């Protein structure tokens, strides 16, 4: 576990997902939709994991348009989010 003192506010798409957004058959199109949903939510997100490479991951769960629960984790790219200071909390530092 790692102690963090910030939440993230995701504000923009990375360039690879911008190009994927224009092609529903693109292999990253579903990832684009999840990432865009995180941006559109305007929520502050707790970090789920910081992996061995320092990448930030979020846990994103929601009810889809068919009324079914979906459970995802997404890596967010540096430069696409802002950090917002909060009281410390625990996040994963590795998958066990």
PDB file of N, CA and C in Angstrom:
ATOM      1  N   UNK A   1       0.840  -1.182   0.000  1.00  0.00           N
ATOM      2  CA  UNK A   1       0.000   0.000   0.000  1.00  0.00           C
ATOM      3  C   UNK A   1       0.885   1.245   0.000  1.00  0.00           C
ATOM      4  N   UNK A   2       0.322   2.300  -0.530  1.00  0.00           N
ATOM      5  CA  UNK A   2       1.006   3.586  -0.574  1.00  0.00           C
ATOM      6  C   UNK A   2       0.037   4.645  -0.059  1.00  0.00           C
ATOM      7  N   UNK A   3       0.560   5.629   0.645  1.00  0.00           N
ATOM      8  CA  UNK A   3      -0.292   6.699   1.156  1.00  0.00           C
ATOM      9  C   UNK A   3      -0.257   7.876   0.186  1.00  0.00           C
ATOM     10  N   UNK A   4      -1.440   8.327  -0.224  1.00  0.00           N
ATOM     11  CA  UNK A   4      -1.564   9.470  -1.129  1.00  0.00           C
ATOM     12  C   UNK A   4      -2.342  10.576  -0.443  1.00  0.00           C
ATOM     13  N   UNK A   5      -2.081  11.801  -0.853  1.00  0.00           N
ATOM     14  CA  UNK A   5      -2.788  12.940  -0.266  1.00  0.00           C
ATOM     15  C   UNK A   5      -3.444  13.801  -1.349  1.00  0.00           C
ATOM     16  N   UNK A   6      -3.885  13.153  -2.413  1.00  0.00           N
ATOM     17  CA  UNK A   6      -4.555  13.879  -3.488  1.00  0.00           C
ATOM     18  C   UNK A   6      -5.586  12.993  -4.186  1.00  0.00           C
ATOM     19  N   UNK A   7      -6.573  13.646  -4.774  1.00  0.00           N
ATOM     20  CA  UNK A   7      -7.511  13.028  -5.703  1.00  0.00           C
ATOM     21  C   UNK A   7      -7.147  13.558  -7.081  1.00  0.00           C
ATOM     22  N   UNK A   8      -7.673  12.936  -8.131  1.00  0.00           N
ATOM     23  CA  UNK A   8      -7.393  13.437  -9.471  1.00  0.00           C
ATOM     24  C   UNK A   8      -8.674  13.928 -10.138  1.00  0.00           C
ATOM     25  N   UNK A   9      -8.524  15.019 -10.860  1.00  0.00           N
ATOM     26  CA  UNK A   9      -9.597  15.574 -11.685  1.00  0.00           C
ATOM     27  C   UNK A   9      -9.122  15.423 -13.123  1.00  0.00           C
ATOM     28  N   UNK A  10      -9.714  14.479 -13.853  1.00  0.00           N
ATOM     29  CA  UNK A  10      -9.306  14.210 -15.229  1.00  0.00           C
ATOM     30  C   UNK A  10      -9.952  15.260 -16.125  1.00  0.00           C
ATOM     31  N   UNK A  11      -9.134  15.944 -16.916  1.00  0.00           N
ATOM     32  CA  UNK A  11      -9.608  17.107 -17.668  1.00  0.00           C
ATOM     33  C   UNK A  11      -9.489  16.992 -19.180  1.00  0.00           C
ATOM     34  N   UNK A  12      -8.694  16.042 -19.678  1.00  0.00           N
ATOM     35  CA  UNK A  12      -8.549  15.941 -21.130  1.00  0.00           C
ATOM     36  C   UNK A  12      -8.175  14.536 -21.559  1.00  0.00           C
ATOM     37  N   UNK A  13      -8.479  14.243 -22.824  1.00  0.00           N
ATOM     38  CA  UNK A  13      -8.135  12.950 -23.415  1.00  0.00           C
ATOM     39  C   UNK A  13      -6.677  12.940 -23.850  1.00  0.00           C
ATOM     40  N   UNK A  14      -6.009  11.797 -23.721  1.00  0.00           N
ATOM     41  CA  UNK A  14      -4.695  11.666 -24.343  1.00  0.00           C
ATOM     42  C   UNK A  14      -4.873  11.576 -25.864  1.00  0.00           C
ATOM     43  N   UNK A  15      -3.835  11.887 -26.607  1.00  0.00           N
ATOM     44  CA  UNK A  15      -3.938  11.964 -28.070  1.00  0.00           C
ATOM     45  C   UNK A  15      -4.348  10.645 -28.718  1.00  0.00           C
ATOM     46  N   UNK A  16      -3.881   9.496 -28.181  1.00  0.00           N
ATOM     47  CA  UNK A  16      -4.264   8.218 -28.797  1.00  0.00           C
ATOM     48  C   UNK A  16      -5.762   7.961 -28.674  1.00  0.00           C
ATOM     49  N   UNK A  17      -6.373   8.440 -27.602  1.00  0.00           N
ATOM     50  CA  UNK A  17      -7.817   8.248 -27.445  1.00  0.00           C
ATOM     51  C   UNK A  17      -8.608   9.277 -28.243  1.00  0.00           C
ATOM     52  N   UNK A  18      -8.017  10.442 -28.504  1.00  0.00           N
ATOM     53  CA  UNK A  18      -8.680  11.413 -29.382  1.00  0.00           C
ATOM     54  C   UNK A  18      -8.867  10.816 -30.763  1.00  0.00           C
ATOM     55  N   UNK A  19      -7.841  10.162 -31.288  1.00  0.00           N
ATOM     56  CA  UNK A  19      -7.975   9.548 -32.613  1.00  0.00           C
ATOM     57  C   UNK A  19      -8.928   8.359 -32.571  1.00  0.00           C
ATOM     58  N   UNK A  20      -8.924   7.600 -31.484  1.00  0.00           N
ATOM     59  CA  UNK A  20      -9.836   6.458 -31.347  1.00  0.00           C
ATOM     60  C   UNK A  20     -11.289   6.910 -31.273  1.00  0.00           C
ATOM     61  N   UNK A  21     -11.532   8.120 -30.793  1.00  0.00           N
ATOM     62  CA  UNK A  21     -12.902   8.611 -30.623  1.00  0.00           C
ATOM     63  C   UNK A  21     -13.642   8.754 -31.945  1.00  0.00           C
ATOM     64  N   UNK A  22     -12.909   8.825 -33.036  1.00  0.00           N
ATOM     65  CA  UNK A  22     -13.520   9.032 -34.346  1.00  0.00           C
ATOM     66  C   UNK A  22     -13.783   7.735 -35.100  1.00  0.00           C
ATOM     67  N   UNK A  23     -13.491   6.592 -34.481  1.00  0.00           N
ATOM     68  CA  UNK A  23     -13.633   5.307 -35.175  1.00  0.00           C
ATOM     69  C   UNK A  23     -14.166   4.254 -34.206  1.00  0.00           C
ATOM     70  N   UNK A  24     -15.461   3.926 -34.322  1.00  0.00           N
ATOM     71  CA  UNK A  24     -16.068   2.956 -33.397  1.00  0.00           C
ATOM     72  C   UNK A  24     -15.435   1.574 -33.502  1.00  0.00           C
ATOM     73  N   UNK A  25     -14.705   1.297 -34.563  1.00  0.00           N
ATOM     74  CA  UNK A  25     -14.038   0.002 -34.723  1.00  0.00           C
ATOM     75  C   UNK A  25     -12.604   0.006 -34.203  1.00  0.00           C
ATOM     76  N   UNK A  26     -12.139   1.145 -33.744  1.00  0.00           N
ATOM     77  CA  UNK A  26     -10.770   1.254 -33.218  1.00  0.00           C
ATOM     78  C   UNK A  26     -10.644   0.406 -31.956  1.00  0.00           C
ATOM     79  N   UNK A  27      -9.502  -0.237 -31.778  1.00  0.00           N
ATOM     80  CA  UNK A  27      -9.302  -1.122 -30.619  1.00  0.00           C
ATOM     81  C   UNK A  27      -9.373  -0.369 -29.291  1.00  0.00           C
ATOM     82  N   UNK A  28      -9.171   0.948 -29.299  1.00  0.00           N
ATOM     83  CA  UNK A  28      -9.226   1.743 -28.070  1.00  0.00           C
ATOM     84  C   UNK A  28     -10.539   2.507 -27.904  1.00  0.00           C
ATOM     85  N   UNK A  29     -11.524   2.238 -28.749  1.00  0.00           N
ATOM     86  CA  UNK A  29     -12.772   3.006 -28.686  1.00  0.00           C
ATOM     87  C   UNK A  29     -13.472   2.844 -27.336  1.00  0.00           C
ATOM     88  N   UNK A  30     -13.548   1.639 -26.805  1.00  0.00           N
ATOM     89  CA  UNK A  30     -14.202   1.418 -25.507  1.00  0.00           C
ATOM     90  C   UNK A  30     -13.443   2.133 -24.387  1.00  0.00           C
ATOM     91  N   UNK A  31     -12.117   2.115 -24.454  1.00  0.00           N
ATOM     92  CA  UNK A  31     -11.317   2.846 -23.471  1.00  0.00           C
ATOM     93  C   UNK A  31     -11.585   4.338 -23.584  1.00  0.00           C
ATOM     94  N   UNK A  32     -11.689   4.829 -24.819  1.00  0.00           N
ATOM     95  CA  UNK A  32     -12.042   6.240 -25.029  1.00  0.00           C
ATOM     96  C   UNK A  32     -13.355   6.582 -24.332  1.00  0.00           C
ATOM     97  N   UNK A  33     -14.377   5.740 -24.500  1.00  0.00           N
ATOM     98  CA  UNK A  33     -15.685   6.032 -23.904  1.00  0.00           C
ATOM     99  C   UNK A  33     -15.595   6.103 -22.378  1.00  0.00           C
ATOM    100  N   UNK A  34     -14.847   5.206 -21.762  1.00  0.00           N
ATOM    101  CA  UNK A  34     -14.689   5.218 -20.304  1.00  0.00           C
ATOM    102  C   UNK A  34     -13.933   6.477 -19.871  1.00  0.00           C
ATOM    103  N   UNK A  35     -12.824   6.771 -20.536  1.00  0.00           N
ATOM    104  CA  UNK A  35     -12.013   7.953 -20.211  1.00  0.00           C
ATOM    105  C   UNK A  35     -12.849   9.223 -20.363  1.00  0.00           C
ATOM    106  N   UNK A  36     -13.611   9.312 -21.464  1.00  0.00           N
ATOM    107  CA  UNK A  36     -14.445  10.489 -21.695  1.00  0.00           C
ATOM    108  C   UNK A  36     -15.525  10.596 -20.621  1.00  0.00           C
ATOM    109  N   UNK A  37     -16.067   9.464 -20.193  1.00  0.00           N
ATOM    110  CA  UNK A  37     -17.056   9.469 -19.114  1.00  0.00           C
ATOM    111  C   UNK A  37     -16.479  10.000 -17.815  1.00  0.00           C
ATOM    112  N   UNK A  38     -15.235   9.646 -17.531  1.00  0.00           N
ATOM    113  CA  UNK A  38     -14.556  10.163 -16.333  1.00  0.00           C
ATOM    114  C   UNK A  38     -14.400  11.680 -16.446  1.00  0.00           C
ATOM    115  N   UNK A  39     -14.015  12.159 -17.616  1.00  0.00           N
ATOM    116  CA  UNK A  39     -13.875  13.607 -17.831  1.00  0.00           C
ATOM    117  C   UNK A  39     -15.225  14.296 -17.673  1.00  0.00           C
ATOM    118  N   UNK A  40     -16.241  13.763 -18.346  1.00  0.00           N
ATOM    119  CA  UNK A  40     -17.567  14.388 -18.336  1.00  0.00           C
ATOM    120  C   UNK A  40     -18.210  14.390 -16.953  1.00  0.00           C
ATOM    121  N   UNK A  41     -17.808  13.449 -16.100  1.00  0.00           N
ATOM    122  CA  UNK A  41     -18.403  13.359 -14.763  1.00  0.00           C
ATOM    123  C   UNK A  41     -18.057  14.571 -13.902  1.00  0.00           C
ATOM    124  N   UNK A  42     -16.918  15.199 -14.194  1.00  0.00           N
ATOM    125  CA  UNK A  42     -16.438  16.339 -13.410  1.00  0.00           C
ATOM    126  C   UNK A  42     -16.242  15.974 -11.931  1.00  0.00           C
ATOM    127  N   UNK A  43     -16.000  14.691 -11.668  1.00  0.00           N
ATOM    128  CA  UNK A  43     -15.779  14.214 -10.308  1.00  0.00           C
ATOM    129  C   UNK A  43     -14.293  14.208  -9.978  1.00  0.00           C
ATOM    130  N   UNK A  44     -13.999  14.166  -8.690  1.00  0.00           N
ATOM    131  CA  UNK A  44     -12.644  13.942  -8.207  1.00  0.00           C
ATOM    132  C   UNK A  44     -12.527  12.459  -7.903  1.00  0.00           C
ATOM    133  N   UNK A  45     -11.457  11.830  -8.372  1.00  0.00           N
ATOM    134  CA  UNK A  45     -11.306  10.376  -8.273  1.00  0.00           C
ATOM    135  C   UNK A  45     -10.166   9.999  -7.336  1.00  0.00           C
ATOM    136  N   UNK A  46     -10.430   8.975  -6.508  1.00  0.00           N
ATOM    137  CA  UNK A  46      -9.365   8.378  -5.701  1.00  0.00           C
ATOM    138  C   UNK A  46      -8.523   7.495  -6.603  1.00  0.00           C
ATOM    139  N   UNK A  47      -7.236   7.525  -6.391  1.00  0.00           N
ATOM    140  CA  UNK A  47      -6.326   6.656  -7.133  1.00  0.00           C
ATOM    141  C   UNK A  47      -6.488   5.237  -6.605  1.00  0.00           C
ATOM    142  N   UNK A  48      -6.632   4.275  -7.500  1.00  0.00           N
ATOM    143  CA  UNK A  48      -6.764   2.872  -7.131  1.00  0.00           C
ATOM    144  C   UNK A  48      -5.382   2.230  -6.986  1.00  0.00           C
ATOM    145  N   UNK A  49      -4.470   2.564  -7.926  1.00  0.00           N
ATOM    146  CA  UNK A  49      -3.157   1.920  -7.965  1.00  0.00           C
ATOM    147  C   UNK A  49      -2.145   2.874  -8.577  1.00  0.00           C
ATOM    148  N   UNK A  50      -0.943   2.854  -8.041  1.00  0.00           N
ATOM    149  CA  UNK A  50       0.209   3.431  -8.732  1.00  0.00           C
ATOM    150  C   UNK A  50       1.134   2.253  -8.996  1.00  0.00           C
ATOM    151  N   UNK A  51       1.303   1.925 -10.277  1.00  0.00           N
ATOM    152  CA  UNK A  51       2.032   0.704 -10.622  1.00  0.00           C
ATOM    153  C   UNK A  51       3.545   0.889 -10.521  1.00  0.00           C
ATOM    154  N   UNK A  52       4.276  -0.176 -10.837  1.00  0.00           N
ATOM    155  CA  UNK A  52       5.733  -0.170 -10.688  1.00  0.00           C
ATOM    156  C   UNK A  52       6.418   0.836 -11.609  1.00  0.00           C
ATOM    157  N   UNK A  53       5.698   1.343 -12.609  1.00  0.00           N
ATOM    158  CA  UNK A  53       6.248   2.346 -13.521  1.00  0.00           C
ATOM    159  C   UNK A  53       5.813   3.764 -13.149  1.00  0.00           C
ATOM    160  N   UNK A  54       5.068   3.892 -12.052  1.00  0.00           N
ATOM    161  CA  UNK A  54       4.589   5.193 -11.616  1.00  0.00           C
ATOM    162  C   UNK A  54       3.312   5.647 -12.293  1.00  0.00           C
ATOM    163  N   UNK A  55       2.683   4.754 -13.080  1.00  0.00           N
ATOM    164  CA  UNK A  55       1.432   5.105 -13.752  1.00  0.00           C
ATOM    165  C   UNK A  55       0.274   5.108 -12.759  1.00  0.00           C
ATOM    166  N   UNK A  56      -0.620   6.058 -12.938  1.00  0.00           N
ATOM    167  CA  UNK A  56      -1.788   6.214 -12.070  1.00  0.00           C
ATOM    168  C   UNK A  56      -2.970   5.478 -12.688  1.00  0.00           C
ATOM    169  N   UNK A  57      -3.642   4.667 -11.866  1.00  0.00           N
ATOM    170  CA  UNK A  57      -4.814   3.905 -12.303  1.00  0.00           C
ATOM    171  C   UNK A  57      -6.018   4.287 -11.455  1.00  0.00           C
ATOM    172  N   UNK A  58      -7.180   4.351 -12.108  1.00  0.00           N
ATOM    173  CA  UNK A  58      -8.444   4.609 -11.426  1.00  0.00           C
ATOM    174  C   UNK A  58      -9.347   3.399 -11.558  1.00  0.00           C
ATOM    175  N   UNK A  59     -10.174   3.189 -10.564  1.00  0.00           N
ATOM    176  CA  UNK A  59     -11.242   2.195 -10.624  1.00  0.00           C
ATOM    177  C   UNK A  59     -12.504   2.953 -11.032  1.00  0.00           C
ATOM    178  N   UNK A  60     -13.124   2.522 -12.146  1.00  0.00           N
ATOM    179  CA  UNK A  60     -14.296   3.212 -12.690  1.00  0.00           C
ATOM    180  C   UNK A  60     -15.436   2.206 -12.810  1.00  0.00           C
ATOM    181  N   UNK A  61     -16.468   2.391 -12.017  1.00  0.00           N
ATOM    182  CA  UNK A  61     -17.627   1.499 -12.007  1.00  0.00           C
ATOM    183  C   UNK A  61     -18.874   2.325 -12.282  1.00  0.00           C
ATOM    184  N   UNK A  62     -19.770   1.794 -13.095  1.00  0.00           N
ATOM    185  CA  UNK A  62     -20.982   2.538 -13.442  1.00  0.00           C
ATOM    186  C   UNK A  62     -22.055   1.588 -13.963  1.00  0.00           C
ATOM    187  N   UNK A  63     -23.267   2.114 -14.102  1.00  0.00           N
ATOM    188  CA  UNK A  63     -24.373   1.386 -14.717  1.00  0.00           C
ATOM    189  C   UNK A  63     -24.447   1.840 -16.168  1.00  0.00           C
ATOM    190  N   UNK A  64     -24.384   0.889 -17.106  1.00  0.00           N
ATOM    191  CA  UNK A  64     -24.396   1.252 -18.520  1.00  0.00           C
ATOM    192  C   UNK A  64     -25.816   1.550 -19.009  1.00  0.00           C
ATOM    193  N   UNK A  65     -25.948   1.860 -20.280  1.00  0.00           N
ATOM    194  CA  UNK A  65     -27.249   2.248 -20.834  1.00  0.00           C
ATOM    195  C   UNK A  65     -28.245   1.094 -20.864  1.00  0.00           C
ATOM    196  N   UNK A  66     -27.771  -0.135 -20.711  1.00  0.00           N
ATOM    197  CA  UNK A  66     -28.659  -1.295 -20.626  1.00  0.00           C
ATOM    198  C   UNK A  66     -29.032  -1.620 -19.181  1.00  0.00           C
ATOM    199  N   UNK A  67     -28.589  -0.789 -18.236  1.00  0.00           N
ATOM    200  CA  UNK A  67     -28.900  -0.995 -16.833  1.00  0.00           C
ATOM    201  C   UNK A  67     -28.030  -2.030 -16.148  1.00  0.00           C
ATOM    202  N   UNK A  68     -26.922  -2.411 -16.782  1.00  0.00           N
ATOM    203  CA  UNK A  68     -26.022  -3.416 -16.217  1.00  0.00           C
ATOM    204  C   UNK A  68     -24.793  -2.749 -15.596  1.00  0.00           C
ATOM    205  N   UNK A  69     -24.299  -3.359 -14.527  1.00  0.00           N
ATOM    206  CA  UNK A  69     -23.094  -2.847 -13.870  1.00  0.00           C
ATOM    207  C   UNK A  69     -21.862  -3.172 -14.712  1.00  0.00           C
ATOM    208  N   UNK A  70     -20.971  -2.199 -14.825  1.00  0.00           N
ATOM    209  CA  UNK A  70     -19.680  -2.402 -15.489  1.00  0.00           C
ATOM    210  C   UNK A  70     -18.579  -2.009 -14.512  1.00  0.00           C
ATOM    211  N   UNK A  71     -17.495  -2.766 -14.531  1.00  0.00           N
ATOM    212  CA  UNK A  71     -16.372  -2.561 -13.622  1.00  0.00           C
ATOM    213  C   UNK A  71     -15.092  -2.466 -14.448  1.00  0.00           C
ATOM    214  N   UNK A  72     -14.374  -1.352 -14.322  1.00  0.00           N
ATOM    215  CA  UNK A  72     -13.182  -1.111 -15.131  1.00  0.00           C
ATOM    216  C   UNK A  72     -12.073  -0.513 -14.278  1.00  0.00           C
ATOM    217  N   UNK A  73     -10.849  -0.682 -14.751  1.00  0.00           N
ATOM    218  CA  UNK A  73      -9.716   0.081 -14.252  1.00  0.00           C
ATOM    219  C   UNK A  73      -9.069   0.714 -15.476  1.00  0.00           C
ATOM    220  N   UNK A  74      -8.674   1.978 -15.358  1.00  0.00           N
ATOM    221  CA  UNK A  74      -8.013   2.647 -16.475  1.00  0.00           C
ATOM    222  C   UNK A  74      -6.764   3.356 -15.981  1.00  0.00           C
ATOM    223  N   UNK A  75      -5.752   3.304 -16.821  1.00  0.00           N
ATOM    224  CA  UNK A  75      -4.529   4.061 -16.561  1.00  0.00           C
ATOM    225  C   UNK A  75      -4.741   5.450 -17.141  1.00  0.00           C
ATOM    226  N   UNK A  76      -4.490   6.469 -16.342  1.00  0.00           N
ATOM    227  CA  UNK A  76      -4.644   7.829 -16.850  1.00  0.00           C
ATOM    228  C   UNK A  76      -3.271   8.413 -17.153  1.00  0.00           C
ATOM    229  N   UNK A  77      -3.194   9.109 -18.254  1.00  0.00           N
ATOM    230  CA  UNK A  77      -1.919   9.628 -18.727  1.00  0.00           C
ATOM    231  C   UNK A  77      -1.522  10.912 -18.005  1.00  0.00           C
ATOM    232  N   UNK A  78      -0.239  11.028 -17.717  1.00  0.00           N
ATOM    233  CA  UNK A  78       0.308  12.259 -17.143  1.00  0.00           C
ATOM    234  C   UNK A  78      -0.052  13.419 -18.061  1.00  0.00           C
ATOM    235  N   UNK A  79      -0.438  14.522 -17.474  1.00  0.00           N
ATOM    236  CA  UNK A  79      -0.803  15.696 -18.255  1.00  0.00           C
ATOM    237  C   UNK A  79      -2.278  15.779 -18.609  1.00  0.00           C
ATOM    238  N   UNK A  80      -3.047  14.722 -18.292  1.00  0.00           N
ATOM    239  CA  UNK A  80      -4.485  14.742 -18.592  1.00  0.00           C
ATOM    240  C   UNK A  80      -5.326  14.958 -17.343  1.00  0.00           C
ATOM    241  N   UNK A  81      -4.660  15.152 -16.209  1.00  0.00           N
ATOM    242  CA  UNK A  81      -5.395  15.332 -14.957  1.00  0.00           C
ATOM    243  C   UNK A  81      -4.683  16.331 -14.055  1.00  0.00           C
ATOM    244  N   UNK A  82      -5.452  16.836 -13.097  1.00  0.00           N
ATOM    245  CA  UNK A  82      -4.919  17.725 -12.068  1.00  0.00           C
ATOM    246  C   UNK A  82      -5.038  17.024 -10.724  1.00  0.00           C
ATOM    247  N   UNK A  83      -4.096  17.279  -9.835  1.00  0.00           N
ATOM    248  CA  UNK A  83      -4.151  16.736  -8.480  1.00  0.00           C
ATOM    249  C   UNK A  83      -4.828  17.742  -7.562  1.00  0.00           C
ATOM    250  N   UNK A  84      -5.704  17.235  -6.695  1.00  0.00           N
ATOM    251  CA  UNK A  84      -6.407  18.072  -5.720  1.00  0.00           C
ATOM    252  C   UNK A  84      -6.095  17.514  -4.339  1.00  0.00           C
ATOM    253  N   UNK A  85      -5.500  18.322  -3.484  1.00  0.00           N
ATOM    254  CA  UNK A  85      -5.082  17.872  -2.159  1.00  0.00           C
ATOM    255  C   UNK A  85      -6.248  17.475  -1.262  1.00  0.00           C
ATOM    256  N   UNK A  86      -6.066  16.377  -0.529  1.00  0.00           N
ATOM    257  CA  UNK A  86      -7.054  15.873   0.431  1.00  0.00           C
ATOM    258  C   UNK A  86      -6.315  15.231   1.601  1.00  0.00           C
ATOM    259  N   UNK A  87      -7.083  14.802   2.599  1.00  0.00           N
ATOM    260  CA  UNK A  87      -6.499  14.039   3.697  1.00  0.00           C
ATOM    261  C   UNK A  87      -5.925  12.733   3.150  1.00  0.00           C
ATOM    262  N   UNK A  88      -4.849  12.235   3.729  1.00  0.00           N
ATOM    263  CA  UNK A  88      -4.205  11.019   3.238  1.00  0.00           C
ATOM    264  C   UNK A  88      -5.131   9.800   3.248  1.00  0.00           C
ATOM    265  N   UNK A  89      -4.929   8.935   2.251  1.00  0.00           N
ATOM    266  CA  UNK A  89      -5.644   7.662   2.142  1.00  0.00           C
ATOM    267  C   UNK A  89      -4.695   6.635   1.535  1.00  0.00           C
ATOM    268  N   UNK A  90      -5.086   5.383   1.582  1.00  0.00           N
ATOM    269  CA  UNK A  90      -4.259   4.288   1.090  1.00  0.00           C
ATOM    270  C   UNK A  90      -4.672   3.883  -0.326  1.00  0.00           C
ATOM    271  N   UNK A  91      -3.680   3.637  -1.177  1.00  0.00           N
ATOM    272  CA  UNK A  91      -3.901   3.109  -2.523  1.00  0.00           C
ATOM    273  C   UNK A  91      -2.952   1.933  -2.708  1.00  0.00           C
ATOM    274  N   UNK A  92      -3.235   1.110  -3.695  1.00  0.00           N
ATOM    275  CA  UNK A  92      -2.363  -0.021  -3.983  1.00  0.00           C
ATOM    276  C   UNK A  92      -1.065   0.455  -4.615  1.00  0.00           C
ATOM    277  N   UNK A  93       0.027  -0.213  -4.263  1.00  0.00           N
ATOM    278  CA  UNK A  93       1.325   0.065  -4.867  1.00  0.00           C
ATOM    279  C   UNK A  93       1.751  -1.090  -5.762  1.00  0.00           C
ATOM    280  N   UNK A  94       1.003  -2.186  -5.699  1.00  0.00           N
ATOM    281  CA  UNK A  94       1.245  -3.341  -6.566  1.00  0.00           C
ATOM    282  C   UNK A  94       0.022  -4.229  -6.528  1.00  0.00           C
ATOM    283  N   UNK A  95      -0.145  -5.013  -7.581  1.00  0.00           N
ATOM    284  CA  UNK A  95      -1.232  -5.982  -7.600  1.00  0.00           C
ATOM    285  C   UNK A  95      -0.745  -7.245  -6.923  1.00  0.00           C
ATOM    286  N   UNK A  96      -1.560  -7.790  -6.064  1.00  0.00           N
ATOM    287  CA  UNK A  96      -1.139  -8.988  -5.324  1.00  0.00           C
ATOM    288  C   UNK A  96      -1.883 -10.196  -5.801  1.00  0.00           C
TER     289      UNK A  96
END
